[in-house]
Amino acid sequence: MVSLLLGFVLLQFSTYFALAGTVEEEGGFARLEDLMKVFGNILSVVATLGGFASFVMVIIGGFKYITAQGDPKAIAAARQTITWAIAGLVFIILAWLILLFIEMFTGVPVTIFKIG
């Protein structure tokens, strides 16, 4: 449970540092450079929502486990919910860590979306 909470906190901090900013308009049209900001903000929101959804599903799985009352099918369903929620969180964290490893190994900033 501690590792789950730690992963959730790390995910939150990493996505807030990735916020690209706001899109400014000139003459009513957005520039191509603004696509970088939009894409960066979308990735930040998706990662945050994924971490939050995983955390909520662990809580729901725990509630199902508590209210199973010894029913083997309900206990199995609750364990499966918790397992898949943790697997989802691990997948999100692993994806970010793989990108950081590629960036560290090659020197190419793959965690920053930039055109040109």
PDB file of N, CA and C in Angstrom:
ATOM      1  N   MET A   1       0.820  -1.190   0.000  1.00  0.00           N
ATOM      2  CA  MET A   1       0.000   0.000   0.000  1.00  0.00           C
ATOM      3  C   MET A   1       0.866   1.257   0.000  1.00  0.00           C
ATOM      4  N   VAL A   2       1.992   1.199   0.703  1.00  0.00           N
ATOM      5  CA  VAL A   2       2.895   2.348   0.745  1.00  0.00           C
ATOM      6  C   VAL A   2       3.468   2.613  -0.639  1.00  0.00           C
ATOM      7  N   SER A   3       3.831   1.546  -1.357  1.00  0.00           N
ATOM      8  CA  SER A   3       4.389   1.736  -2.690  1.00  0.00           C
ATOM      9  C   SER A   3       3.342   2.309  -3.641  1.00  0.00           C
ATOM     10  N   LEU A   4       2.094   1.929  -3.467  1.00  0.00           N
ATOM     11  CA  LEU A   4       1.025   2.482  -4.289  1.00  0.00           C
ATOM     12  C   LEU A   4       0.873   3.970  -4.041  1.00  0.00           C
ATOM     13  N   LEU A   5       0.880   4.368  -2.788  1.00  0.00           N
ATOM     14  CA  LEU A   5       0.755   5.774  -2.444  1.00  0.00           C
ATOM     15  C   LEU A   5       1.959   6.559  -2.938  1.00  0.00           C
ATOM     16  N   LEU A   6       3.156   6.001  -2.794  1.00  0.00           N
ATOM     17  CA  LEU A   6       4.363   6.660  -3.265  1.00  0.00           C
ATOM     18  C   LEU A   6       4.338   6.832  -4.784  1.00  0.00           C
ATOM     19  N   GLY A   7       3.916   5.797  -5.490  1.00  0.00           N
ATOM     20  CA  GLY A   7       3.805   5.897  -6.946  1.00  0.00           C
ATOM     21  C   GLY A   7       2.807   6.955  -7.364  1.00  0.00           C
ATOM     22  N   PHE A   8       1.699   7.048  -6.665  1.00  0.00           N
ATOM     23  CA  PHE A   8       0.681   8.053  -6.976  1.00  0.00           C
ATOM     24  C   PHE A   8       1.234   9.453  -6.753  1.00  0.00           C
ATOM     25  N   VAL A   9       1.951   9.654  -5.661  1.00  0.00           N
ATOM     26  CA  VAL A   9       2.517  10.976  -5.366  1.00  0.00           C
ATOM     27  C   VAL A   9       3.570  11.347  -6.406  1.00  0.00           C
ATOM     28  N   LEU A  10       4.448  10.404  -6.761  1.00  0.00           N
ATOM     29  CA  LEU A  10       5.460  10.685  -7.776  1.00  0.00           C
ATOM     30  C   LEU A  10       4.832  11.010  -9.118  1.00  0.00           C
ATOM     31  N   LEU A  11       3.774  10.322  -9.450  1.00  0.00           N
ATOM     32  CA  LEU A  11       3.084  10.583 -10.705  1.00  0.00           C
ATOM     33  C   LEU A  11       2.493  11.983 -10.712  1.00  0.00           C
ATOM     34  N   GLN A  12       1.921  12.405  -9.605  1.00  0.00           N
ATOM     35  CA  GLN A  12       1.336  13.737  -9.518  1.00  0.00           C
ATOM     36  C   GLN A  12       2.394  14.810  -9.721  1.00  0.00           C
ATOM     37  N   PHE A  13       3.535  14.683  -9.049  1.00  0.00           N
ATOM     38  CA  PHE A  13       4.572  15.687  -9.181  1.00  0.00           C
ATOM     39  C   PHE A  13       5.164  15.720 -10.580  1.00  0.00           C
ATOM     40  N   SER A  14       5.347  14.557 -11.193  1.00  0.00           N
ATOM     41  CA  SER A  14       5.945  14.533 -12.522  1.00  0.00           C
ATOM     42  C   SER A  14       5.024  15.149 -13.559  1.00  0.00           C
ATOM     43  N   THR A  15       3.715  14.988 -13.398  1.00  0.00           N
ATOM     44  CA  THR A  15       2.808  15.571 -14.387  1.00  0.00           C
ATOM     45  C   THR A  15       2.679  17.069 -14.208  1.00  0.00           C
ATOM     46  N   TYR A  16       2.805  17.576 -13.001  1.00  0.00           N
ATOM     47  CA  TYR A  16       2.711  19.022 -12.818  1.00  0.00           C
ATOM     48  C   TYR A  16       3.935  19.729 -13.370  1.00  0.00           C
ATOM     49  N   PHE A  17       5.089  19.089 -13.346  1.00  0.00           N
ATOM     50  CA  PHE A  17       6.272  19.693 -13.936  1.00  0.00           C
ATOM     51  C   PHE A  17       6.206  19.667 -15.463  1.00  0.00           C
ATOM     52  N   ALA A  18       5.366  18.812 -16.017  1.00  0.00           N
ATOM     53  CA  ALA A  18       5.277  18.679 -17.467  1.00  0.00           C
ATOM     54  C   ALA A  18       4.273  19.635 -18.094  1.00  0.00           C
ATOM     55  N   LEU A  19       3.567  20.439 -17.297  1.00  0.00           N
ATOM     56  CA  LEU A  19       2.598  21.366 -17.870  1.00  0.00           C
ATOM     57  C   LEU A  19       3.295  22.334 -18.811  1.00  0.00           C
ATOM     58  N   ALA A  20       2.780  22.430 -20.008  1.00  0.00           N
ATOM     59  CA  ALA A  20       3.450  23.217 -21.029  1.00  0.00           C
ATOM     60  C   ALA A  20       3.033  24.685 -21.013  1.00  0.00           C
ATOM     61  N   GLY A  21       1.848  25.017 -20.603  1.00  0.00           N
ATOM     62  CA  GLY A  21       1.407  26.409 -20.576  1.00  0.00           C
ATOM     63  C   GLY A  21       0.112  26.599 -21.315  1.00  0.00           C
ATOM     64  N   THR A  22      -0.185  27.849 -21.570  1.00  0.00           N
ATOM     65  CA  THR A  22      -1.437  28.194 -22.235  1.00  0.00           C
ATOM     66  C   THR A  22      -1.170  28.569 -23.683  1.00  0.00           C
ATOM     67  N   VAL A  23      -2.200  28.458 -24.491  1.00  0.00           N
ATOM     68  CA  VAL A  23      -2.103  28.776 -25.910  1.00  0.00           C
ATOM     69  C   VAL A  23      -2.495  30.231 -26.106  1.00  0.00           C
ATOM     70  N   GLU A  24      -1.621  30.983 -26.772  1.00  0.00           N
ATOM     71  CA  GLU A  24      -1.896  32.393 -27.061  1.00  0.00           C
ATOM     72  C   GLU A  24      -2.290  32.526 -28.525  1.00  0.00           C
ATOM     73  N   GLU A  25      -3.280  33.359 -28.775  1.00  0.00           N
ATOM     74  CA  GLU A  25      -3.767  33.551 -30.141  1.00  0.00           C
ATOM     75  C   GLU A  25      -3.236  34.848 -30.720  1.00  0.00           C
ATOM     76  N   GLU A  26      -2.918  34.817 -31.997  1.00  0.00           N
ATOM     77  CA  GLU A  26      -2.538  36.019 -32.719  1.00  0.00           C
ATOM     78  C   GLU A  26      -3.461  36.136 -33.915  1.00  0.00           C
ATOM     79  N   GLY A  27      -4.275  37.151 -33.921  1.00  0.00           N
ATOM     80  CA  GLY A  27      -5.186  37.351 -35.039  1.00  0.00           C
ATOM     81  C   GLY A  27      -6.270  36.294 -35.119  1.00  0.00           C
ATOM     82  N   GLY A  28      -6.604  35.633 -34.023  1.00  0.00           N
ATOM     83  CA  GLY A  28      -7.668  34.651 -34.003  1.00  0.00           C
ATOM     84  C   GLY A  28      -7.236  33.240 -34.350  1.00  0.00           C
ATOM     85  N   PHE A  29      -5.958  33.049 -34.672  1.00  0.00           N
ATOM     86  CA  PHE A  29      -5.473  31.727 -35.045  1.00  0.00           C
ATOM     87  C   PHE A  29      -4.339  31.299 -34.121  1.00  0.00           C
ATOM     88  N   ALA A  30      -4.298  30.027 -33.818  1.00  0.00           N
ATOM     89  CA  ALA A  30      -3.204  29.489 -33.017  1.00  0.00           C
ATOM     90  C   ALA A  30      -2.043  29.136 -33.937  1.00  0.00           C
ATOM     91  N   ARG A  31      -0.836  29.272 -33.431  1.00  0.00           N
ATOM     92  CA  ARG A  31       0.359  28.943 -34.208  1.00  0.00           C
ATOM     93  C   ARG A  31       0.671  27.452 -34.076  1.00  0.00           C
ATOM     94  N   LEU A  32       1.548  26.969 -34.937  1.00  0.00           N
ATOM     95  CA  LEU A  32       1.950  25.563 -34.896  1.00  0.00           C
ATOM     96  C   LEU A  32       2.688  25.241 -33.601  1.00  0.00           C
ATOM     97  N   GLU A  33       3.438  26.205 -33.056  1.00  0.00           N
ATOM     98  CA  GLU A  33       4.152  25.991 -31.800  1.00  0.00           C
ATOM     99  C   GLU A  33       3.185  25.740 -30.646  1.00  0.00           C
ATOM    100  N   ASP A  34       1.950  26.240 -30.764  1.00  0.00           N
ATOM    101  CA  ASP A  34       0.969  26.041 -29.706  1.00  0.00           C
ATOM    102  C   ASP A  34       0.522  24.586 -29.612  1.00  0.00           C
ATOM    103  N   LEU A  35       0.725  23.821 -30.685  1.00  0.00           N
ATOM    104  CA  LEU A  35       0.405  22.399 -30.658  1.00  0.00           C
ATOM    105  C   LEU A  35       1.239  21.679 -29.599  1.00  0.00           C
ATOM    106  N   MET A  36       2.465  22.138 -29.403  1.00  0.00           N
ATOM    107  CA  MET A  36       3.320  21.553 -28.369  1.00  0.00           C
ATOM    108  C   MET A  36       2.701  21.755 -26.990  1.00  0.00           C
ATOM    109  N   LYS A  37       2.182  22.944 -26.732  1.00  0.00           N
ATOM    110  CA  LYS A  37       1.577  23.237 -25.440  1.00  0.00           C
ATOM    111  C   LYS A  37       0.313  22.406 -25.232  1.00  0.00           C
ATOM    112  N   VAL A  38      -0.503  22.321 -26.271  1.00  0.00           N
ATOM    113  CA  VAL A  38      -1.751  21.561 -26.167  1.00  0.00           C
ATOM    114  C   VAL A  38      -1.453  20.083 -25.918  1.00  0.00           C
ATOM    115  N   PHE A  39      -0.524  19.518 -26.683  1.00  0.00           N
ATOM    116  CA  PHE A  39      -0.182  18.109 -26.526  1.00  0.00           C
ATOM    117  C   PHE A  39       0.421  17.834 -25.156  1.00  0.00           C
ATOM    118  N   GLY A  40       1.289  18.723 -24.678  1.00  0.00           N
ATOM    119  CA  GLY A  40       1.876  18.573 -23.350  1.00  0.00           C
ATOM    120  C   GLY A  40       0.826  18.614 -22.259  1.00  0.00           C
ATOM    121  N   ASN A  41      -0.143  19.512 -22.399  1.00  0.00           N
ATOM    122  CA  ASN A  41      -1.216  19.600 -21.403  1.00  0.00           C
ATOM    123  C   ASN A  41      -2.117  18.372 -21.441  1.00  0.00           C
ATOM    124  N   ILE A  42      -2.386  17.850 -22.623  1.00  0.00           N
ATOM    125  CA  ILE A  42      -3.219  16.648 -22.748  1.00  0.00           C
ATOM    126  C   ILE A  42      -2.527  15.457 -22.085  1.00  0.00           C
ATOM    127  N   LEU A  43      -1.232  15.292 -22.341  1.00  0.00           N
ATOM    128  CA  LEU A  43      -0.489  14.191 -21.715  1.00  0.00           C
ATOM    129  C   LEU A  43      -0.484  14.327 -20.198  1.00  0.00           C
ATOM    130  N   SER A  44      -0.343  15.542 -19.719  1.00  0.00           N
ATOM    131  CA  SER A  44      -0.345  15.770 -18.274  1.00  0.00           C
ATOM    132  C   SER A  44      -1.679  15.390 -17.658  1.00  0.00           C
ATOM    133  N   VAL A  45      -2.762  15.781 -18.300  1.00  0.00           N
ATOM    134  CA  VAL A  45      -4.096  15.475 -17.777  1.00  0.00           C
ATOM    135  C   VAL A  45      -4.365  13.978 -17.838  1.00  0.00           C
ATOM    136  N   VAL A  46      -3.992  13.328 -18.932  1.00  0.00           N
ATOM    137  CA  VAL A  46      -4.237  11.887 -19.074  1.00  0.00           C
ATOM    138  C   VAL A  46      -3.458  11.100 -18.022  1.00  0.00           C
ATOM    139  N   ALA A  47      -2.194  11.453 -17.789  1.00  0.00           N
ATOM    140  CA  ALA A  47      -1.400  10.754 -16.777  1.00  0.00           C
ATOM    141  C   ALA A  47      -1.973  10.962 -15.380  1.00  0.00           C
ATOM    142  N   THR A  48      -2.404  12.178 -15.090  1.00  0.00           N
ATOM    143  CA  THR A  48      -2.998  12.461 -13.785  1.00  0.00           C
ATOM    144  C   THR A  48      -4.299  11.692 -13.598  1.00  0.00           C
ATOM    145  N   LEU A  49      -5.146  11.700 -14.604  1.00  0.00           N
ATOM    146  CA  LEU A  49      -6.408  10.965 -14.508  1.00  0.00           C
ATOM    147  C   LEU A  49      -6.173   9.458 -14.403  1.00  0.00           C
ATOM    148  N   GLY A  50      -5.173   8.948 -15.097  1.00  0.00           N
ATOM    149  CA  GLY A  50      -4.856   7.526 -15.000  1.00  0.00           C
ATOM    150  C   GLY A  50      -4.414   7.141 -13.601  1.00  0.00           C
ATOM    151  N   GLY A  51      -3.570   7.949 -12.995  1.00  0.00           N
ATOM    152  CA  GLY A  51      -3.143   7.695 -11.624  1.00  0.00           C
ATOM    153  C   GLY A  51      -4.290   7.799 -10.640  1.00  0.00           C
ATOM    154  N   PHE A  52      -5.126   8.803 -10.825  1.00  0.00           N
ATOM    155  CA  PHE A  52      -6.274   8.974  -9.933  1.00  0.00           C
ATOM    156  C   PHE A  52      -7.267   7.829 -10.094  1.00  0.00           C
ATOM    157  N   ALA A  53      -7.537   7.418 -11.336  1.00  0.00           N
ATOM    158  CA  ALA A  53      -8.469   6.309 -11.576  1.00  0.00           C
ATOM    159  C   ALA A  53      -7.945   5.014 -10.962  1.00  0.00           C
ATOM    160  N   SER A  54      -6.643   4.787 -11.062  1.00  0.00           N
ATOM    161  CA  SER A  54      -6.060   3.594 -10.460  1.00  0.00           C
ATOM    162  C   SER A  54      -6.215   3.621  -8.944  1.00  0.00           C
ATOM    163  N   PHE A  55      -5.975   4.760  -8.339  1.00  0.00           N
ATOM    164  CA  PHE A  55      -6.121   4.907  -6.891  1.00  0.00           C
ATOM    165  C   PHE A  55      -7.568   4.658  -6.464  1.00  0.00           C
ATOM    166  N   VAL A  56      -8.516   5.209  -7.210  1.00  0.00           N
ATOM    167  CA  VAL A  56      -9.942   5.013  -6.901  1.00  0.00           C
ATOM    168  C   VAL A  56     -10.327   3.546  -7.051  1.00  0.00           C
ATOM    169  N   MET A  57      -9.808   2.870  -8.071  1.00  0.00           N
ATOM    170  CA  MET A  57     -10.139   1.459  -8.263  1.00  0.00           C
ATOM    171  C   MET A  57      -9.567   0.581  -7.148  1.00  0.00           C
ATOM    172  N   VAL A  58      -8.417   0.937  -6.601  1.00  0.00           N
ATOM    173  CA  VAL A  58      -7.886   0.197  -5.459  1.00  0.00           C
ATOM    174  C   VAL A  58      -8.819   0.356  -4.266  1.00  0.00           C
ATOM    175  N   ILE A  59      -9.325   1.553  -4.060  1.00  0.00           N
ATOM    176  CA  ILE A  59     -10.269   1.792  -2.961  1.00  0.00           C
ATOM    177  C   ILE A  59     -11.567   1.015  -3.189  1.00  0.00           C
ATOM    178  N   ILE A  60     -12.072   1.013  -4.414  1.00  0.00           N
ATOM    179  CA  ILE A  60     -13.294   0.265  -4.728  1.00  0.00           C
ATOM    180  C   ILE A  60     -13.061  -1.234  -4.533  1.00  0.00           C
ATOM    181  N   GLY A  61     -11.919  -1.742  -4.971  1.00  0.00           N
ATOM    182  CA  GLY A  61     -11.594  -3.150  -4.775  1.00  0.00           C
ATOM    183  C   GLY A  61     -11.502  -3.501  -3.300  1.00  0.00           C
ATOM    184  N   GLY A  62     -10.920  -2.618  -2.511  1.00  0.00           N
ATOM    185  CA  GLY A  62     -10.858  -2.845  -1.067  1.00  0.00           C
ATOM    186  C   GLY A  62     -12.235  -2.862  -0.437  1.00  0.00           C
ATOM    187  N   PHE A  63     -13.108  -1.974  -0.889  1.00  0.00           N
ATOM    188  CA  PHE A  63     -14.479  -1.955  -0.382  1.00  0.00           C
ATOM    189  C   PHE A  63     -15.206  -3.240  -0.764  1.00  0.00           C
ATOM    190  N   LYS A  64     -15.019  -3.700  -1.993  1.00  0.00           N
ATOM    191  CA  LYS A  64     -15.621  -4.966  -2.421  1.00  0.00           C
ATOM    192  C   LYS A  64     -15.111  -6.132  -1.573  1.00  0.00           C
ATOM    193  N   TYR A  65     -13.816  -6.096  -1.258  1.00  0.00           N
ATOM    194  CA  TYR A  65     -13.213  -7.170  -0.461  1.00  0.00           C
ATOM    195  C   TYR A  65     -13.785  -7.182   0.955  1.00  0.00           C
ATOM    196  N   ILE A  66     -13.952  -6.003   1.512  1.00  0.00           N
ATOM    197  CA  ILE A  66     -14.496  -5.911   2.870  1.00  0.00           C
ATOM    198  C   ILE A  66     -15.949  -6.379   2.916  1.00  0.00           C
ATOM    199  N   THR A  67     -16.725  -6.035   1.895  1.00  0.00           N
ATOM    200  CA  THR A  67     -18.149  -6.376   1.887  1.00  0.00           C
ATOM    201  C   THR A  67     -18.447  -7.729   1.251  1.00  0.00           C
ATOM    202  N   ALA A  68     -17.425  -8.509   0.923  1.00  0.00           N
ATOM    203  CA  ALA A  68     -17.641  -9.810   0.278  1.00  0.00           C
ATOM    204  C   ALA A  68     -18.288 -10.822   1.211  1.00  0.00           C
ATOM    205  N   GLN A  69     -18.096 -10.708   2.493  1.00  0.00           N
ATOM    206  CA  GLN A  69     -18.692 -11.578   3.515  1.00  0.00           C
ATOM    207  C   GLN A  69     -18.388 -13.056   3.278  1.00  0.00           C
ATOM    208  N   GLY A  70     -17.182 -13.341   2.870  1.00  0.00           N
ATOM    209  CA  GLY A  70     -16.763 -14.732   2.719  1.00  0.00           C
ATOM    210  C   GLY A  70     -17.171 -15.405   1.427  1.00  0.00           C
ATOM    211  N   ASP A  71     -17.865 -14.717   0.540  1.00  0.00           N
ATOM    212  CA  ASP A  71     -18.269 -15.285  -0.740  1.00  0.00           C
ATOM    213  C   ASP A  71     -17.027 -15.406  -1.639  1.00  0.00           C
ATOM    214  N   PRO A  72     -16.680 -16.631  -2.058  1.00  0.00           N
ATOM    215  CA  PRO A  72     -15.451 -16.816  -2.847  1.00  0.00           C
ATOM    216  C   PRO A  72     -15.457 -16.056  -4.168  1.00  0.00           C
ATOM    217  N   LYS A  73     -16.601 -15.984  -4.827  1.00  0.00           N
ATOM    218  CA  LYS A  73     -16.669 -15.259  -6.103  1.00  0.00           C
ATOM    219  C   LYS A  73     -16.468 -13.762  -5.896  1.00  0.00           C
ATOM    220  N   ALA A  74     -17.072 -13.212  -4.847  1.00  0.00           N
ATOM    221  CA  ALA A  74     -16.930 -11.781  -4.569  1.00  0.00           C
ATOM    222  C   ALA A  74     -15.496 -11.444  -4.152  1.00  0.00           C
ATOM    223  N   ILE A  75     -14.882 -12.332  -3.381  1.00  0.00           N
ATOM    224  CA  ILE A  75     -13.489 -12.112  -2.979  1.00  0.00           C
ATOM    225  C   ILE A  75     -12.575 -12.158  -4.199  1.00  0.00           C
ATOM    226  N   ALA A  76     -12.813 -13.095  -5.080  1.00  0.00           N
ATOM    227  CA  ALA A  76     -11.999 -13.200  -6.301  1.00  0.00           C
ATOM    228  C   ALA A  76     -12.169 -11.963  -7.179  1.00  0.00           C
ATOM    229  N   ALA A  77     -13.406 -11.466  -7.288  1.00  0.00           N
ATOM    230  CA  ALA A  77     -13.653 -10.262  -8.084  1.00  0.00           C
ATOM    231  C   ALA A  77     -12.961  -9.049  -7.464  1.00  0.00           C
ATOM    232  N   ALA A  78     -12.991  -8.953  -6.145  1.00  0.00           N
ATOM    233  CA  ALA A  78     -12.336  -7.837  -5.464  1.00  0.00           C
ATOM    234  C   ALA A  78     -10.827  -7.898  -5.655  1.00  0.00           C
ATOM    235  N   ARG A  79     -10.256  -9.088  -5.520  1.00  0.00           N
ATOM    236  CA  ARG A  79      -8.811  -9.232  -5.727  1.00  0.00           C
ATOM    237  C   ARG A  79      -8.420  -8.889  -7.155  1.00  0.00           C
ATOM    238  N   GLN A  80      -9.258  -9.292  -8.098  1.00  0.00           N
ATOM    239  CA  GLN A  80      -8.975  -8.981  -9.501  1.00  0.00           C
ATOM    240  C   GLN A  80      -9.031  -7.472  -9.746  1.00  0.00           C
ATOM    241  N   THR A  81      -9.988  -6.791  -9.136  1.00  0.00           N
ATOM    242  CA  THR A  81     -10.077  -5.335  -9.272  1.00  0.00           C
ATOM    243  C   THR A  81      -8.823  -4.669  -8.734  1.00  0.00           C
ATOM    244  N   ILE A  82      -8.387  -5.088  -7.563  1.00  0.00           N
ATOM    245  CA  ILE A  82      -7.185  -4.506  -6.963  1.00  0.00           C
ATOM    246  C   ILE A  82      -5.954  -4.815  -7.813  1.00  0.00           C
ATOM    247  N   THR A  83      -5.864  -6.042  -8.290  1.00  0.00           N
ATOM    248  CA  THR A  83      -4.712  -6.442  -9.105  1.00  0.00           C
ATOM    249  C   THR A  83      -4.613  -5.612 -10.375  1.00  0.00           C
ATOM    250  N   TRP A  84      -5.714  -5.443 -11.080  1.00  0.00           N
ATOM    251  CA  TRP A  84      -5.675  -4.681 -12.331  1.00  0.00           C
ATOM    252  C   TRP A  84      -5.455  -3.196 -12.093  1.00  0.00           C
ATOM    253  N   ALA A  85      -5.953  -2.681 -10.975  1.00  0.00           N
ATOM    254  CA  ALA A  85      -5.709  -1.274 -10.657  1.00  0.00           C
ATOM    255  C   ALA A  85      -4.225  -1.035 -10.389  1.00  0.00           C
ATOM    256  N   ILE A  86      -3.606  -1.923  -9.642  1.00  0.00           N
ATOM    257  CA  ILE A  86      -2.171  -1.788  -9.366  1.00  0.00           C
ATOM    258  C   ILE A  86      -1.370  -1.997 -10.644  1.00  0.00           C
ATOM    259  N   ALA A  87      -1.796  -2.938 -11.473  1.00  0.00           N
ATOM    260  CA  ALA A  87      -1.108  -3.164 -12.751  1.00  0.00           C
ATOM    261  C   ALA A  87      -1.187  -1.917 -13.635  1.00  0.00           C
ATOM    262  N   GLY A  88      -2.314  -1.241 -13.648  1.00  0.00           N
ATOM    263  CA  GLY A  88      -2.448  -0.016 -14.419  1.00  0.00           C
ATOM    264  C   GLY A  88      -1.526   1.075 -13.922  1.00  0.00           C
ATOM    265  N   LEU A  89      -1.444   1.220 -12.610  1.00  0.00           N
ATOM    266  CA  LEU A  89      -0.555   2.223 -12.037  1.00  0.00           C
ATOM    267  C   LEU A  89       0.904   1.897 -12.332  1.00  0.00           C
ATOM    268  N   VAL A  90       1.259   0.629 -12.216  1.00  0.00           N
ATOM    269  CA  VAL A  90       2.626   0.212 -12.529  1.00  0.00           C
ATOM    270  C   VAL A  90       2.938   0.478 -14.003  1.00  0.00           C
ATOM    271  N   PHE A  91       1.984   0.243 -14.880  1.00  0.00           N
ATOM    272  CA  PHE A  91       2.182   0.504 -16.309  1.00  0.00           C
ATOM    273  C   PHE A  91       2.441   1.987 -16.564  1.00  0.00           C
ATOM    274  N   ILE A  92       1.678   2.862 -15.913  1.00  0.00           N
ATOM    275  CA  ILE A  92       1.861   4.302 -16.092  1.00  0.00           C
ATOM    276  C   ILE A  92       3.245   4.722 -15.603  1.00  0.00           C
ATOM    277  N   ILE A  93       3.628   4.250 -14.432  1.00  0.00           N
ATOM    278  CA  ILE A  93       4.935   4.612 -13.878  1.00  0.00           C
ATOM    279  C   ILE A  93       6.062   4.036 -14.725  1.00  0.00           C
ATOM    280  N   LEU A  94       5.915   2.790 -15.177  1.00  0.00           N
ATOM    281  CA  LEU A  94       6.944   2.178 -16.027  1.00  0.00           C
ATOM    282  C   LEU A  94       7.111   2.925 -17.349  1.00  0.00           C
ATOM    283  N   ALA A  95       6.015   3.357 -17.934  1.00  0.00           N
ATOM    284  CA  ALA A  95       6.100   4.101 -19.189  1.00  0.00           C
ATOM    285  C   ALA A  95       6.911   5.379 -18.996  1.00  0.00           C
ATOM    286  N   TRP A  96       6.652   6.085 -17.897  1.00  0.00           N
ATOM    287  CA  TRP A  96       7.394   7.317 -17.623  1.00  0.00           C
ATOM    288  C   TRP A  96       8.869   7.008 -17.352  1.00  0.00           C
ATOM    289  N   LEU A  97       9.145   5.959 -16.585  1.00  0.00           N
ATOM    290  CA  LEU A  97      10.522   5.614 -16.278  1.00  0.00           C
ATOM    291  C   LEU A  97      11.295   5.165 -17.513  1.00  0.00           C
ATOM    292  N   ILE A  98      10.622   4.471 -18.431  1.00  0.00           N
ATOM    293  CA  ILE A  98      11.276   4.071 -19.682  1.00  0.00           C
ATOM    294  C   ILE A  98      11.646   5.298 -20.497  1.00  0.00           C
ATOM    295  N   LEU A  99      10.746   6.280 -20.543  1.00  0.00           N
ATOM    296  CA  LEU A  99      11.065   7.522 -21.253  1.00  0.00           C
ATOM    297  C   LEU A  99      12.240   8.241 -20.602  1.00  0.00           C
ATOM    298  N   LEU A 100      12.271   8.280 -19.277  1.00  0.00           N
ATOM    299  CA  LEU A 100      13.398   8.909 -18.581  1.00  0.00           C
ATOM    300  C   LEU A 100      14.709   8.154 -18.849  1.00  0.00           C
ATOM    301  N   PHE A 101      14.641   6.825 -18.904  1.00  0.00           N
ATOM    302  CA  PHE A 101      15.830   6.029 -19.199  1.00  0.00           C
ATOM    303  C   PHE A 101      16.332   6.314 -20.609  1.00  0.00           C
ATOM    304  N   ILE A 102      15.433   6.380 -21.565  1.00  0.00           N
ATOM    305  CA  ILE A 102      15.825   6.680 -22.946  1.00  0.00           C
ATOM    306  C   ILE A 102      16.458   8.065 -23.018  1.00  0.00           C
ATOM    307  N   GLU A 103      15.866   9.021 -22.297  1.00  0.00           N
ATOM    308  CA  GLU A 103      16.413  10.371 -22.283  1.00  0.00           C
ATOM    309  C   GLU A 103      17.809  10.400 -21.664  1.00  0.00           C
ATOM    310  N   MET A 104      17.993   9.663 -20.570  1.00  0.00           N
ATOM    311  CA  MET A 104      19.292   9.631 -19.898  1.00  0.00           C
ATOM    312  C   MET A 104      20.334   8.909 -20.761  1.00  0.00           C
ATOM    313  N   PHE A 105      19.929   7.844 -21.415  1.00  0.00           N
ATOM    314  CA  PHE A 105      20.859   7.031 -22.198  1.00  0.00           C
ATOM    315  C   PHE A 105      21.281   7.724 -23.487  1.00  0.00           C
ATOM    316  N   THR A 106      20.315   8.336 -24.189  1.00  0.00           N
ATOM    317  CA  THR A 106      20.609   8.939 -25.489  1.00  0.00           C
ATOM    318  C   THR A 106      20.882  10.435 -25.419  1.00  0.00           C
ATOM    319  N   GLY A 107      20.403  11.095 -24.381  1.00  0.00           N
ATOM    320  CA  GLY A 107      20.557  12.541 -24.288  1.00  0.00           C
ATOM    321  C   GLY A 107      19.486  13.307 -25.042  1.00  0.00           C
ATOM    322  N   VAL A 108      18.574  12.601 -25.679  1.00  0.00           N
ATOM    323  CA  VAL A 108      17.486  13.235 -26.416  1.00  0.00           C
ATOM    324  C   VAL A 108      16.328  13.484 -25.458  1.00  0.00           C
ATOM    325  N   PRO A 109      15.821  14.705 -25.369  1.00  0.00           N
ATOM    326  CA  PRO A 109      14.739  14.988 -24.417  1.00  0.00           C
ATOM    327  C   PRO A 109      13.383  14.451 -24.895  1.00  0.00           C
ATOM    328  N   VAL A 110      13.153  13.160 -24.689  1.00  0.00           N
ATOM    329  CA  VAL A 110      11.921  12.542 -25.165  1.00  0.00           C
ATOM    330  C   VAL A 110      10.723  12.826 -24.264  1.00  0.00           C
ATOM    331  N   THR A 111      10.964  13.364 -23.065  1.00  0.00           N
ATOM    332  CA  THR A 111       9.842  13.682 -22.174  1.00  0.00           C
ATOM    333  C   THR A 111       9.300  15.073 -22.412  1.00  0.00           C
ATOM    334  N   ILE A 112       9.939  15.814 -23.313  1.00  0.00           N
ATOM    335  CA  ILE A 112       9.474  17.161 -23.656  1.00  0.00           C
ATOM    336  C   ILE A 112       9.033  17.130 -25.110  1.00  0.00           C
ATOM    337  N   PHE A 113       7.758  17.403 -25.343  1.00  0.00           N
ATOM    338  CA  PHE A 113       7.229  17.411 -26.706  1.00  0.00           C
ATOM    339  C   PHE A 113       7.571  18.738 -27.352  1.00  0.00           C
ATOM    340  N   LYS A 114       8.341  18.696 -28.451  1.00  0.00           N
ATOM    341  CA  LYS A 114       8.748  19.930 -29.119  1.00  0.00           C
ATOM    342  C   LYS A 114       8.801  19.687 -30.610  1.00  0.00           C
ATOM    343  N   ILE A 115       8.233  20.601 -31.354  1.00  0.00           N
ATOM    344  CA  ILE A 115       8.248  20.532 -32.819  1.00  0.00           C
ATOM    345  C   ILE A 115       9.418  21.377 -33.308  1.00  0.00           C
ATOM    346  N   GLY A 116      10.253  20.752 -34.141  1.00  0.00           N
ATOM    347  CA  GLY A 116      11.332  21.492 -34.759  1.00  0.00           C
ATOM    348  C   GLY A 116      12.576  21.628 -34.011  1.00  0.00           C
TER     349      GLY A 116
END
